[in-house]
Structures are given as structure tokens and as C-alpha cells.
């Protein structure tokens, strides 16, 4: 059954979030982009297309970015005819390039590679949860550093051997209605090709599409950004067709500068239920919180790093650590 935070854990998490937001609101001069390169890294649904944040400016030249993330989770749920156990560690490496190709247009290409294993972070994450007063959930009842992605219900998943696979290749285009130093407004569309592996859960066996909008507002030492849209898979070979429907997704971020080099950011990502009729939280609507820092190098490259927690408990991996570089 789904684990829940104790009142004490909720209070500490709320206090930590409040402190982080206050810190963001109190600092310096901003030189940064709008979003972290993070997704909801759900091991069972990651093969379905949800576009990465589209925070490039129309005036930018050729942009390149690479992001590496490590997600670790232990989730056990059993409701009705459904049961899942997701216990393992997933390492994801993403690359993307984007560039203007007309007076108001940009394109972007992106691809990922995913490695699943028992990992090495279980003991460290147990200590992390104890330190911050978070509920341990089901973690104490399962051995450390094992790989078991199992699901029975609307389809069957059984992945228990380490391995690596490519994800979907996504091609996207955005039209910029507004792009000034203070504000950006753009509309995007994208297609993901079925280059991922259904067996390793990095693809759903079909083409997927998405439409979304991006808005960002920049001030003296701060910026806020919002994205939202619809993603639709044109097939589903993982959940016997029960995930063959549109979902809504949204993200918002606030960034505050600490000076000419450093900035801090808090970001929320969420999406609606992925699998129709499922009562499991891990396959339902999700919400995650990312907190981290950005550093601007002298050659105009940026480095960002931070961590992501499941803000709505058991709807996303327990924790994800990430680092990214982009120009």
C-alpha cells in the first residue's frame, strides 16, 4: 500500500520548502535560463513522450545541452487487480540541440540513453530521509541495491536485469510570438519517434506527439516561467492500451540571482494520470519539486545541479539527482 508522510515529515518538508522560496526571493542579479532539464523520471511511464522544457530565446544561436540524472526509488502498491514493485536505480543521459531556422521559429532535436541497475545509493538515501525527517515508506522492507520493476494489472512489466537502451528521438519546433529582454511567449509542437525499447521501458512502441506553450518574465535579478500543454501517445505496448490517451502536463520555476555567476531555482513539474482506471499512485497524477543552483562559466556555458523529490508522495521516484551543461 502507498506510504504516507507523517505529520512531522509534512511539517518539516513544508518548512524546508518555505525556507527555500524565501532564500530565492532575497538575492542578487540573474544570469540564467528558466528551467532545469528535469522530467518526471517514473521508471514505468518514462517511455511515453513528455517534452523537456523549451527555455531558449529566439535570439540565441545554436544551443547544445547535456544532462545526467540518477533516480532511485522503492515503491510497492497493491490495489484491486493491480500490483507493482519498482525498486532500482535509473541513470539517464540526455542530449539536445536547438537553433533558429526562420524569423520567428526554432527547432530542437533530443535523444536519451537510460541505464537501469540496482545502483549504489540506497544506503545514502535512507540516511537522507532520516536527516530531513521524511517518511522511509517501504524502503526498510526491501534489500539494498536490487533491480525489480514489476507490474501486474493492465498489462505486465517484469524487468530485473541491468541494461542500457536508447529513448525516443524527439523533433520539435517552436513559434515565438514575443521575445524581448523582459518577456518571452512561444508555442511548440513535437513528435517522438518509436526508437525506444518497450522491453526496457524507454519507449511505448509508437509515435507520440505534444503541443505546449511557454511564457517567461524576466526582471532585475529574478525570473519566473510557466509551461503547459497536452501530450498524446499514438499507441501503447506497455499497459495493454490503457495508457493510449492524452495527458496534461505543466511546470513552473522561479529563479533568483546571487551575483554575476550564481543563481538559485525552485521548480514544480506535474502531469495528469497516465494509465486509465488505475488506482495506483505511481501510475496516477504526479507532482515533483526540484531545487538547485546554476553557475555561469566565463565562456558563456552554464552548469546546473540539484535534486528532485516527489512532492506528492509515491507519484514519482523517491529522489533524483541531476547535473546539466548548456550554452
C-alpha atoms as a PDB file:
ATOM      1  CA  UNK A   1       0.000   0.000   0.000  1.00  0.00           C
ATOM      2  CA  UNK A   2       1.028   3.610  -0.549  1.00  0.00           C
ATOM      3  CA  UNK A   3       3.271   5.107   2.081  1.00  0.00           C
ATOM      4  CA  UNK A   4       2.294   8.441   3.585  1.00  0.00           C
ATOM      5  CA  UNK A   5       4.291  11.151   5.243  1.00  0.00           C
ATOM      6  CA  UNK A   6       3.815  11.570   8.942  1.00  0.00           C
ATOM      7  CA  UNK A   7       2.600  14.913  10.238  1.00  0.00           C
ATOM      8  CA  UNK A   8       6.132  15.602  11.408  1.00  0.00           C
ATOM      9  CA  UNK A   9       7.545  14.832   7.964  1.00  0.00           C
ATOM     10  CA  UNK A  10       4.946  17.054   6.261  1.00  0.00           C
ATOM     11  CA  UNK A  11       5.741  19.893   8.639  1.00  0.00           C
ATOM     12  CA  UNK A  12       9.491  19.630   8.039  1.00  0.00           C
ATOM     13  CA  UNK A  13       9.058  19.393   4.271  1.00  0.00           C
ATOM     14  CA  UNK A  14       6.755  22.447   4.250  1.00  0.00           C
ATOM     15  CA  UNK A  15       9.212  24.381   6.405  1.00  0.00           C
ATOM     16  CA  UNK A  16      12.095  23.436   4.132  1.00  0.00           C
ATOM     17  CA  UNK A  17      10.170  24.475   1.024  1.00  0.00           C
ATOM     18  CA  UNK A  18       9.168  27.803   2.634  1.00  0.00           C
ATOM     19  CA  UNK A  19      12.792  28.496   3.603  1.00  0.00           C
ATOM     20  CA  UNK A  20      13.972  27.689   0.068  1.00  0.00           C
ATOM     21  CA  UNK A  21      11.432  30.025  -1.531  1.00  0.00           C
ATOM     22  CA  UNK A  22      12.343  32.817   0.892  1.00  0.00           C
ATOM     23  CA  UNK A  23      16.020  32.349   0.028  1.00  0.00           C
ATOM     24  CA  UNK A  24      15.205  32.584  -3.668  1.00  0.00           C
ATOM     25  CA  UNK A  25      13.291  35.802  -3.121  1.00  0.00           C
ATOM     26  CA  UNK A  26      16.078  37.522  -1.257  1.00  0.00           C
ATOM     27  CA  UNK A  27      19.107  37.513  -3.551  1.00  0.00           C
ATOM     28  CA  UNK A  28      21.112  39.204  -6.304  1.00  0.00           C
ATOM     29  CA  UNK A  29      21.498  39.543 -10.054  1.00  0.00           C
ATOM     30  CA  UNK A  30      20.304  36.920 -12.528  1.00  0.00           C
ATOM     31  CA  UNK A  31      22.126  35.337 -15.441  1.00  0.00           C
ATOM     32  CA  UNK A  32      20.356  32.034 -16.128  1.00  0.00           C
ATOM     33  CA  UNK A  33      17.740  30.215 -18.202  1.00  0.00           C
ATOM     34  CA  UNK A  34      14.262  29.419 -16.990  1.00  0.00           C
ATOM     35  CA  UNK A  35      14.060  25.677 -16.209  1.00  0.00           C
ATOM     36  CA  UNK A  36      16.085  22.736 -15.008  1.00  0.00           C
ATOM     37  CA  UNK A  37      16.414  19.918 -17.598  1.00  0.00           C
ATOM     38  CA  UNK A  38      14.247  17.602 -15.468  1.00  0.00           C
ATOM     39  CA  UNK A  39      11.352  15.245 -16.182  1.00  0.00           C
ATOM     40  CA  UNK A  40       9.085  13.148 -14.003  1.00  0.00           C
ATOM     41  CA  UNK A  41      11.502  10.190 -14.090  1.00  0.00           C
ATOM     42  CA  UNK A  42       8.904   7.491 -13.442  1.00  0.00           C
ATOM     43  CA  UNK A  43      10.529   4.186 -14.411  1.00  0.00           C
ATOM     44  CA  UNK A  44       7.262   2.625 -15.662  1.00  0.00           C
ATOM     45  CA  UNK A  45       5.967   5.566 -17.732  1.00  0.00           C
ATOM     46  CA  UNK A  46       9.156   7.260 -18.937  1.00  0.00           C
ATOM     47  CA  UNK A  47       8.758   5.708 -22.399  1.00  0.00           C
ATOM     48  CA  UNK A  48       5.784   7.984 -23.081  1.00  0.00           C
ATOM     49  CA  UNK A  49       6.667  11.377 -24.529  1.00  0.00           C
ATOM     50  CA  UNK A  50       6.605  14.442 -22.324  1.00  0.00           C
ATOM     51  CA  UNK A  51       8.749  17.229 -23.835  1.00  0.00           C
ATOM     52  CA  UNK A  52      11.663  18.729 -21.971  1.00  0.00           C
ATOM     53  CA  UNK A  53      11.441  22.420 -21.021  1.00  0.00           C
ATOM     54  CA  UNK A  54      11.780  24.770 -24.019  1.00  0.00           C
ATOM     55  CA  UNK A  55      13.534  27.754 -22.495  1.00  0.00           C
ATOM     56  CA  UNK A  56      15.670  29.001 -25.412  1.00  0.00           C
ATOM     57  CA  UNK A  57      15.460  32.593 -26.640  1.00  0.00           C
ATOM     58  CA  UNK A  58      14.662  33.283 -30.301  1.00  0.00           C
ATOM     59  CA  UNK A  59      17.820  35.411 -30.482  1.00  0.00           C
ATOM     60  CA  UNK A  60      20.057  32.535 -29.344  1.00  0.00           C
ATOM     61  CA  UNK A  61      22.368  30.880 -31.821  1.00  0.00           C
ATOM     62  CA  UNK A  62      22.989  27.143 -31.919  1.00  0.00           C
ATOM     63  CA  UNK A  63      22.358  25.726 -28.450  1.00  0.00           C
ATOM     64  CA  UNK A  64      23.695  22.435 -27.138  1.00  0.00           C
ATOM     65  CA  UNK A  65      22.801  20.826 -23.818  1.00  0.00           C
ATOM     66  CA  UNK A  66      23.561  17.607 -21.987  1.00  0.00           C
ATOM     67  CA  UNK A  67      22.008  16.443 -18.725  1.00  0.00           C
ATOM     68  CA  UNK A  68      22.739  13.466 -16.495  1.00  0.00           C
ATOM     69  CA  UNK A  69      20.360  12.284 -13.772  1.00  0.00           C
ATOM     70  CA  UNK A  70      20.254   9.435 -11.253  1.00  0.00           C
ATOM     71  CA  UNK A  71      16.818   8.408  -9.972  1.00  0.00           C
ATOM     72  CA  UNK A  72      16.390   5.993  -7.071  1.00  0.00           C
ATOM     73  CA  UNK A  73      13.112   4.700  -5.677  1.00  0.00           C
ATOM     74  CA  UNK A  74      11.347   1.902  -3.808  1.00  0.00           C
ATOM     75  CA  UNK A  75       7.596   1.850  -4.450  1.00  0.00           C
ATOM     76  CA  UNK A  76       5.244  -1.018  -3.569  1.00  0.00           C
ATOM     77  CA  UNK A  77       1.481  -0.779  -4.118  1.00  0.00           C
ATOM     78  CA  UNK A  78      -1.378  -3.269  -4.355  1.00  0.00           C
ATOM     79  CA  UNK A  79      -4.941  -2.179  -5.106  1.00  0.00           C
ATOM     80  CA  UNK A  80      -7.704  -4.266  -6.666  1.00  0.00           C
ATOM     81  CA  UNK A  81      -6.321  -6.268  -9.581  1.00  0.00           C
ATOM     82  CA  UNK A  82      -3.123  -4.175  -9.750  1.00  0.00           C
ATOM     83  CA  UNK A  83       0.198  -4.632  -8.023  1.00  0.00           C
ATOM     84  CA  UNK A  84       3.576  -3.029  -8.613  1.00  0.00           C
ATOM     85  CA  UNK A  85       7.046  -3.093  -7.168  1.00  0.00           C
ATOM     86  CA  UNK A  86       9.522  -0.527  -8.505  1.00  0.00           C
ATOM     87  CA  UNK A  87      12.877  -0.925  -6.761  1.00  0.00           C
ATOM     88  CA  UNK A  88      16.010   0.210  -8.529  1.00  0.00           C
ATOM     89  CA  UNK A  89      18.164   2.995  -9.862  1.00  0.00           C
ATOM     90  CA  UNK A  90      17.946   4.633 -13.272  1.00  0.00           C
ATOM     91  CA  UNK A  91      20.760   6.684 -14.853  1.00  0.00           C
ATOM     92  CA  UNK A  92      19.685   8.894 -17.759  1.00  0.00           C
ATOM     93  CA  UNK A  93      21.863  10.871 -20.169  1.00  0.00           C
ATOM     94  CA  UNK A  94      20.075  13.355 -22.457  1.00  0.00           C
ATOM     95  CA  UNK A  95      21.424  15.396 -25.357  1.00  0.00           C
ATOM     96  CA  UNK A  96      19.677  18.137 -27.305  1.00  0.00           C
ATOM     97  CA  UNK A  97      20.444  20.803 -29.889  1.00  0.00           C
ATOM     98  CA  UNK A  98      18.245  23.701 -30.960  1.00  0.00           C
ATOM     99  CA  UNK A  99      18.607  26.582 -33.402  1.00  0.00           C
ATOM    100  CA  UNK A 100      16.597  29.269 -35.149  1.00  0.00           C
ATOM    101  CA  UNK A 101      15.586  28.416 -38.723  1.00  0.00           C
ATOM    102  CA  UNK A 102      13.270  31.317 -39.654  1.00  0.00           C
ATOM    103  CA  UNK A 103      12.424  34.798 -38.421  1.00  0.00           C
ATOM    104  CA  UNK A 104      10.131  33.538 -35.611  1.00  0.00           C
ATOM    105  CA  UNK A 105      10.952  29.826 -35.418  1.00  0.00           C
ATOM    106  CA  UNK A 106      13.344  27.449 -33.651  1.00  0.00           C
ATOM    107  CA  UNK A 107      13.767  23.688 -33.926  1.00  0.00           C
ATOM    108  CA  UNK A 108      15.079  21.214 -31.346  1.00  0.00           C
ATOM    109  CA  UNK A 109      16.296  17.608 -31.552  1.00  0.00           C
ATOM    110  CA  UNK A 110      16.790  15.479 -28.441  1.00  0.00           C
ATOM    111  CA  UNK A 111      17.684  11.888 -27.569  1.00  0.00           C
ATOM    112  CA  UNK A 112      18.361   9.997 -24.344  1.00  0.00           C
ATOM    113  CA  UNK A 113      20.042   6.822 -23.155  1.00  0.00           C
ATOM    114  CA  UNK A 114      18.928   5.044 -19.956  1.00  0.00           C
ATOM    115  CA  UNK A 115      20.768   2.529 -17.773  1.00  0.00           C
ATOM    116  CA  UNK A 116      18.873   0.599 -15.076  1.00  0.00           C
ATOM    117  CA  UNK A 117      20.544  -1.310 -12.248  1.00  0.00           C
ATOM    118  CA  UNK A 118      20.370  -1.980  -8.542  1.00  0.00           C
ATOM    119  CA  UNK A 119      22.557   1.103  -8.145  1.00  0.00           C
ATOM    120  CA  UNK A 120      24.552   2.177  -5.126  1.00  0.00           C
ATOM    121  CA  UNK A 121      22.559   4.978  -3.479  1.00  0.00           C
ATOM    122  CA  UNK A 122      20.073   3.074  -1.274  1.00  0.00           C
ATOM    123  CA  UNK A 123      22.034   3.482   1.971  1.00  0.00           C
ATOM    124  CA  UNK A 124      22.754   7.151   1.281  1.00  0.00           C
ATOM    125  CA  UNK A 125      19.081   7.867   0.521  1.00  0.00           C
ATOM    126  CA  UNK A 126      17.965   6.106   3.714  1.00  0.00           C
ATOM    127  CA  UNK A 127      20.284   8.447   5.622  1.00  0.00           C
ATOM    128  CA  UNK A 128      18.981  11.446   3.585  1.00  0.00           C
ATOM    129  CA  UNK A 129      15.376  10.664   4.563  1.00  0.00           C
ATOM    130  CA  UNK A 130      16.283  10.227   8.231  1.00  0.00           C
ATOM    131  CA  UNK A 131      18.232  13.504   8.240  1.00  0.00           C
ATOM    132  CA  UNK A 132      15.333  15.557   6.810  1.00  0.00           C
ATOM    133  CA  UNK A 133      12.630  13.675   8.716  1.00  0.00           C
ATOM    134  CA  UNK A 134      10.994  12.206   5.595  1.00  0.00           C
ATOM    135  CA  UNK A 135       8.958   9.005   5.848  1.00  0.00           C
ATOM    136  CA  UNK A 136      11.003   5.953   4.778  1.00  0.00           C
ATOM    137  CA  UNK A 137       7.939   4.268   3.253  1.00  0.00           C
ATOM    138  CA  UNK A 138       8.671   0.735   2.054  1.00  0.00           C
ATOM    139  CA  UNK A 139      12.447   1.140   1.808  1.00  0.00           C
ATOM    140  CA  UNK A 140      13.320  -0.739   5.042  1.00  0.00           C
ATOM    141  CA  UNK A 141      11.446  -3.851   3.847  1.00  0.00           C
ATOM    142  CA  UNK A 142      13.495  -4.450   0.691  1.00  0.00           C
ATOM    143  CA  UNK A 143      17.186  -5.314   0.247  1.00  0.00           C
ATOM    144  CA  UNK A 144      19.551  -2.582  -0.872  1.00  0.00           C
ATOM    145  CA  UNK A 145      20.785  -2.266  -4.433  1.00  0.00           C
ATOM    146  CA  UNK A 146      18.371  -4.629  -6.182  1.00  0.00           C
ATOM    147  CA  UNK A 147      16.616  -4.099  -9.534  1.00  0.00           C
ATOM    148  CA  UNK A 148      12.957  -5.109  -9.754  1.00  0.00           C
ATOM    149  CA  UNK A 149      10.494  -3.270 -11.969  1.00  0.00           C
ATOM    150  CA  UNK A 150       7.324  -5.368 -11.786  1.00  0.00           C
ATOM    151  CA  UNK A 151       3.694  -4.605 -12.581  1.00  0.00           C
ATOM    152  CA  UNK A 152       0.569  -6.751 -12.947  1.00  0.00           C
ATOM    153  CA  UNK A 153      -2.839  -5.405 -13.898  1.00  0.00           C
ATOM    154  CA  UNK A 154      -3.409  -3.503 -17.123  1.00  0.00           C
ATOM    155  CA  UNK A 155      -0.535  -5.261 -18.843  1.00  0.00           C
ATOM    156  CA  UNK A 156       2.594  -6.880 -17.409  1.00  0.00           C
ATOM    157  CA  UNK A 157       6.057  -5.485 -16.668  1.00  0.00           C
ATOM    158  CA  UNK A 158       8.945  -7.637 -15.442  1.00  0.00           C
ATOM    159  CA  UNK A 159      12.393  -6.021 -15.702  1.00  0.00           C
ATOM    160  CA  UNK A 160      15.017  -7.363 -13.299  1.00  0.00           C
ATOM    161  CA  UNK A 161      18.260  -7.408 -15.293  1.00  0.00           C
ATOM    162  CA  UNK A 162      20.602  -4.437 -15.598  1.00  0.00           C
ATOM    163  CA  UNK A 163      20.910  -2.931 -19.047  1.00  0.00           C
ATOM    164  CA  UNK A 164      21.015   0.172 -21.240  1.00  0.00           C
ATOM    165  CA  UNK A 165      18.700   1.339 -24.027  1.00  0.00           C
ATOM    166  CA  UNK A 166      18.054   4.423 -26.140  1.00  0.00           C
ATOM    167  CA  UNK A 167      14.968   6.512 -25.510  1.00  0.00           C
ATOM    168  CA  UNK A 168      12.748   8.188 -28.067  1.00  0.00           C
ATOM    169  CA  UNK A 169      14.214  10.633 -30.592  1.00  0.00           C
ATOM    170  CA  UNK A 170      12.163  13.839 -30.384  1.00  0.00           C
ATOM    171  CA  UNK A 171      11.952  16.565 -33.032  1.00  0.00           C
ATOM    172  CA  UNK A 172      10.241  19.812 -32.062  1.00  0.00           C
ATOM    173  CA  UNK A 173       9.521  23.280 -33.432  1.00  0.00           C
ATOM    174  CA  UNK A 174       8.523  26.491 -31.687  1.00  0.00           C
ATOM    175  CA  UNK A 175       6.968  29.744 -32.903  1.00  0.00           C
ATOM    176  CA  UNK A 176       7.864  32.886 -30.924  1.00  0.00           C
ATOM    177  CA  UNK A 177       5.111  35.480 -30.679  1.00  0.00           C
ATOM    178  CA  UNK A 178       7.041  37.644 -28.181  1.00  0.00           C
ATOM    179  CA  UNK A 179      10.763  37.633 -27.418  1.00  0.00           C
ATOM    180  CA  UNK A 180      12.155  40.693 -25.658  1.00  0.00           C
ATOM    181  CA  UNK A 181      14.739  41.092 -22.854  1.00  0.00           C
ATOM    182  CA  UNK A 182      11.867  41.151 -20.366  1.00  0.00           C
ATOM    183  CA  UNK A 183       9.458  38.557 -21.718  1.00  0.00           C
ATOM    184  CA  UNK A 184       9.156  35.500 -23.974  1.00  0.00           C
ATOM    185  CA  UNK A 185       5.999  33.825 -25.267  1.00  0.00           C
ATOM    186  CA  UNK A 186       6.224  30.821 -27.586  1.00  0.00           C
ATOM    187  CA  UNK A 187       4.092  27.918 -28.843  1.00  0.00           C
ATOM    188  CA  UNK A 188       5.611  24.493 -29.515  1.00  0.00           C
ATOM    189  CA  UNK A 189       4.794  21.181 -31.125  1.00  0.00           C
ATOM    190  CA  UNK A 190       6.768  17.956 -31.123  1.00  0.00           C
ATOM    191  CA  UNK A 191       6.884  14.330 -32.260  1.00  0.00           C
ATOM    192  CA  UNK A 192       8.777  11.484 -30.637  1.00  0.00           C
ATOM    193  CA  UNK A 193       9.812   8.579 -32.841  1.00  0.00           C
ATOM    194  CA  UNK A 194       9.489   4.959 -31.611  1.00  0.00           C
ATOM    195  CA  UNK A 195      13.239   4.498 -31.176  1.00  0.00           C
ATOM    196  CA  UNK A 196      12.996   3.462 -27.518  1.00  0.00           C
ATOM    197  CA  UNK A 197      12.793  -0.082 -26.170  1.00  0.00           C
ATOM    198  CA  UNK A 198       9.443  -1.371 -24.909  1.00  0.00           C
ATOM    199  CA  UNK A 199      11.181  -4.251 -23.111  1.00  0.00           C
ATOM    200  CA  UNK A 200      13.404  -1.823 -21.171  1.00  0.00           C
ATOM    201  CA  UNK A 201      10.605   0.755 -20.718  1.00  0.00           C
ATOM    202  CA  UNK A 202      12.367   3.524 -22.664  1.00  0.00           C
ATOM    203  CA  UNK A 203       9.681   3.585 -25.387  1.00  0.00           C
ATOM    204  CA  UNK A 204       5.980   2.816 -25.748  1.00  0.00           C
ATOM    205  CA  UNK A 205       6.247   1.234 -29.203  1.00  0.00           C
ATOM    206  CA  UNK A 206       4.538   4.117 -31.017  1.00  0.00           C
ATOM    207  CA  UNK A 207       4.910   7.664 -32.277  1.00  0.00           C
ATOM    208  CA  UNK A 208       3.936  10.268 -29.679  1.00  0.00           C
ATOM    209  CA  UNK A 209       3.023  13.939 -30.049  1.00  0.00           C
ATOM    210  CA  UNK A 210       2.712  17.042 -27.884  1.00  0.00           C
ATOM    211  CA  UNK A 211       1.581  20.675 -28.065  1.00  0.00           C
ATOM    212  CA  UNK A 212       2.540  23.206 -25.392  1.00  0.00           C
ATOM    213  CA  UNK A 213       3.090  26.860 -24.607  1.00  0.00           C
ATOM    214  CA  UNK A 214       5.934  28.667 -22.855  1.00  0.00           C
ATOM    215  CA  UNK A 215       5.870  32.009 -21.033  1.00  0.00           C
ATOM    216  CA  UNK A 216       8.753  33.655 -19.170  1.00  0.00           C
ATOM    217  CA  UNK A 217       9.084  37.002 -17.433  1.00  0.00           C
ATOM    218  CA  UNK A 218      12.495  38.420 -16.507  1.00  0.00           C
ATOM    219  CA  UNK A 219      13.245  41.244 -14.097  1.00  0.00           C
ATOM    220  CA  UNK A 220      16.253  42.703 -12.292  1.00  0.00           C
ATOM    221  CA  UNK A 221      17.780  39.635 -10.655  1.00  0.00           C
ATOM    222  CA  UNK A 222      14.798  37.304 -10.980  1.00  0.00           C
ATOM    223  CA  UNK A 223      12.718  35.415 -13.497  1.00  0.00           C
ATOM    224  CA  UNK A 224       9.610  33.254 -13.499  1.00  0.00           C
ATOM    225  CA  UNK A 225       8.500  30.821 -16.173  1.00  0.00           C
ATOM    226  CA  UNK A 226       5.467  28.632 -16.867  1.00  0.00           C
ATOM    227  CA  UNK A 227       4.860  25.871 -19.414  1.00  0.00           C
ATOM    228  CA  UNK A 228       1.782  23.755 -20.011  1.00  0.00           C
ATOM    229  CA  UNK A 229       0.381  21.520 -22.694  1.00  0.00           C
ATOM    230  CA  UNK A 230      -1.003  18.199 -23.884  1.00  0.00           C
ATOM    231  CA  UNK A 231       0.920  15.016 -24.762  1.00  0.00           C
ATOM    232  CA  UNK A 232      -0.640  12.132 -26.666  1.00  0.00           C
ATOM    233  CA  UNK A 233       0.749   8.643 -27.471  1.00  0.00           C
ATOM    234  CA  UNK A 234      -0.438   7.091 -30.734  1.00  0.00           C
ATOM    235  CA  UNK A 235      -0.088   3.621 -29.216  1.00  0.00           C
ATOM    236  CA  UNK A 236       0.741   1.765 -26.000  1.00  0.00           C
ATOM    237  CA  UNK A 237       2.529  -1.580 -25.846  1.00  0.00           C
ATOM    238  CA  UNK A 238       3.255  -1.426 -22.093  1.00  0.00           C
ATOM    239  CA  UNK A 239      -0.158  -1.120 -20.423  1.00  0.00           C
ATOM    240  CA  UNK A 240      -2.305  -3.004 -22.960  1.00  0.00           C
ATOM    241  CA  UNK A 241      -3.688   0.230 -24.422  1.00  0.00           C
ATOM    242  CA  UNK A 242      -4.838   1.725 -21.110  1.00  0.00           C
ATOM    243  CA  UNK A 243      -2.243   4.493 -21.468  1.00  0.00           C
ATOM    244  CA  UNK A 244      -3.334   5.328 -25.033  1.00  0.00           C
ATOM    245  CA  UNK A 245      -4.884   8.694 -24.137  1.00  0.00           C
ATOM    246  CA  UNK A 246      -3.871  12.338 -23.778  1.00  0.00           C
ATOM    247  CA  UNK A 247      -2.410  13.753 -20.592  1.00  0.00           C
ATOM    248  CA  UNK A 248      -1.923  17.344 -19.459  1.00  0.00           C
ATOM    249  CA  UNK A 249       1.452  18.454 -18.128  1.00  0.00           C
ATOM    250  CA  UNK A 250       2.719  21.673 -16.587  1.00  0.00           C
ATOM    251  CA  UNK A 251       5.824  23.109 -14.972  1.00  0.00           C
ATOM    252  CA  UNK A 252       6.711  26.368 -13.297  1.00  0.00           C
ATOM    253  CA  UNK A 253      10.001  27.734 -11.972  1.00  0.00           C
ATOM    254  CA  UNK A 254      11.279  30.785 -10.128  1.00  0.00           C
ATOM    255  CA  UNK A 255      14.953  31.765 -10.315  1.00  0.00           C
ATOM    256  CA  UNK A 256      16.826  34.318  -8.248  1.00  0.00           C
ATOM    257  CA  UNK A 257      20.367  35.558  -8.855  1.00  0.00           C
ATOM    258  CA  UNK A 258      23.118  35.540  -6.248  1.00  0.00           C
ATOM    259  CA  UNK A 259      25.513  37.645  -8.293  1.00  0.00           C
ATOM    260  CA  UNK A 260      27.055  37.574 -11.781  1.00  0.00           C
ATOM    261  CA  UNK A 261      27.799  33.816 -11.632  1.00  0.00           C
ATOM    262  CA  UNK A 262      25.376  32.005  -9.312  1.00  0.00           C
ATOM    263  CA  UNK A 263      21.601  31.622  -9.243  1.00  0.00           C
ATOM    264  CA  UNK A 264      19.157  29.511  -7.230  1.00  0.00           C
ATOM    265  CA  UNK A 265      15.992  27.907  -8.569  1.00  0.00           C
ATOM    266  CA  UNK A 266      12.886  26.053  -7.372  1.00  0.00           C
ATOM    267  CA  UNK A 267      10.745  24.203  -9.922  1.00  0.00           C
ATOM    268  CA  UNK A 268       7.496  22.215  -9.846  1.00  0.00           C
ATOM    269  CA  UNK A 269       6.620  19.607 -12.519  1.00  0.00           C
ATOM    270  CA  UNK A 270       3.308  17.766 -12.719  1.00  0.00           C
ATOM    271  CA  UNK A 271       1.157  15.707 -15.054  1.00  0.00           C
ATOM    272  CA  UNK A 272      -2.240  14.033 -15.031  1.00  0.00           C
ATOM    273  CA  UNK A 273      -2.990  10.315 -14.772  1.00  0.00           C
ATOM    274  CA  UNK A 274      -1.089   8.155 -17.224  1.00  0.00           C
ATOM    275  CA  UNK A 275      -2.969   4.801 -17.015  1.00  0.00           C
ATOM    276  CA  UNK A 276      -6.773   4.807 -17.330  1.00  0.00           C
ATOM    277  CA  UNK A 277      -8.700   3.136 -14.474  1.00  0.00           C
ATOM    278  CA  UNK A 278      -5.534   2.550 -12.429  1.00  0.00           C
ATOM    279  CA  UNK A 279      -5.856   3.177  -8.703  1.00  0.00           C
ATOM    280  CA  UNK A 280      -2.092   3.155  -8.109  1.00  0.00           C
ATOM    281  CA  UNK A 281      -0.483   6.448  -7.135  1.00  0.00           C
ATOM    282  CA  UNK A 282       2.700   5.669  -9.063  1.00  0.00           C
ATOM    283  CA  UNK A 283       0.674   5.458 -12.302  1.00  0.00           C
ATOM    284  CA  UNK A 284      -1.604   8.384 -11.486  1.00  0.00           C
ATOM    285  CA  UNK A 285      -1.221  12.143 -11.425  1.00  0.00           C
ATOM    286  CA  UNK A 286       2.238  13.225 -10.282  1.00  0.00           C
ATOM    287  CA  UNK A 287       3.960  16.229  -8.758  1.00  0.00           C
ATOM    288  CA  UNK A 288       7.674  16.724  -8.106  1.00  0.00           C
ATOM    289  CA  UNK A 289       9.777  19.548  -6.660  1.00  0.00           C
ATOM    290  CA  UNK A 290      13.290  20.358  -7.902  1.00  0.00           C
ATOM    291  CA  UNK A 291      15.687  22.649  -6.032  1.00  0.00           C
ATOM    292  CA  UNK A 292      19.199  23.552  -7.090  1.00  0.00           C
ATOM    293  CA  UNK A 293      21.760  26.052  -8.290  1.00  0.00           C
ATOM    294  CA  UNK A 294      23.160  27.334 -11.591  1.00  0.00           C
ATOM    295  CA  UNK A 295      26.685  28.544 -12.309  1.00  0.00           C
ATOM    296  CA  UNK A 296      27.647  30.681 -15.292  1.00  0.00           C
ATOM    297  CA  UNK A 297      31.114  29.966 -16.715  1.00  0.00           C
ATOM    298  CA  UNK A 298      33.296  32.653 -18.278  1.00  0.00           C
ATOM    299  CA  UNK A 299      32.831  31.163 -21.759  1.00  0.00           C
ATOM    300  CA  UNK A 300      29.004  31.633 -21.556  1.00  0.00           C
ATOM    301  CA  UNK A 301      28.320  27.999 -20.725  1.00  0.00           C
ATOM    302  CA  UNK A 302      26.059  27.209 -17.777  1.00  0.00           C
ATOM    303  CA  UNK A 303      26.164  24.349 -15.280  1.00  0.00           C
ATOM    304  CA  UNK A 304      23.113  23.451 -13.221  1.00  0.00           C
ATOM    305  CA  UNK A 305      22.790  20.855 -10.483  1.00  0.00           C
ATOM    306  CA  UNK A 306      20.288  19.907  -7.836  1.00  0.00           C
ATOM    307  CA  UNK A 307      17.865  17.273  -6.634  1.00  0.00           C
ATOM    308  CA  UNK A 308      14.208  16.366  -7.122  1.00  0.00           C
ATOM    309  CA  UNK A 309      11.770  14.917  -4.562  1.00  0.00           C
ATOM    310  CA  UNK A 310       8.263  13.531  -5.073  1.00  0.00           C
ATOM    311  CA  UNK A 311       6.231  16.482  -3.775  1.00  0.00           C
ATOM    312  CA  UNK A 312       3.096  14.310  -3.941  1.00  0.00           C
ATOM    313  CA  UNK A 313       4.294  11.177  -2.160  1.00  0.00           C
ATOM    314  CA  UNK A 314       4.673   7.967  -4.226  1.00  0.00           C
ATOM    315  CA  UNK A 315       3.754   9.656  -7.522  1.00  0.00           C
ATOM    316  CA  UNK A 316       7.369   9.956  -8.733  1.00  0.00           C
ATOM    317  CA  UNK A 317      10.735   8.428  -7.774  1.00  0.00           C
ATOM    318  CA  UNK A 318      11.840   8.991  -4.188  1.00  0.00           C
ATOM    319  CA  UNK A 319      14.731  11.198  -5.276  1.00  0.00           C
ATOM    320  CA  UNK A 320      16.595  12.253  -8.419  1.00  0.00           C
ATOM    321  CA  UNK A 321      19.993  13.958  -8.517  1.00  0.00           C
ATOM    322  CA  UNK A 322      20.878  15.825 -11.716  1.00  0.00           C
ATOM    323  CA  UNK A 323      23.605  17.879 -13.347  1.00  0.00           C
ATOM    324  CA  UNK A 324      23.414  19.624 -16.718  1.00  0.00           C
ATOM    325  CA  UNK A 325      25.556  21.773 -19.009  1.00  0.00           C
ATOM    326  CA  UNK A 326      24.330  24.070 -21.774  1.00  0.00           C
ATOM    327  CA  UNK A 327      25.466  27.106 -23.743  1.00  0.00           C
END
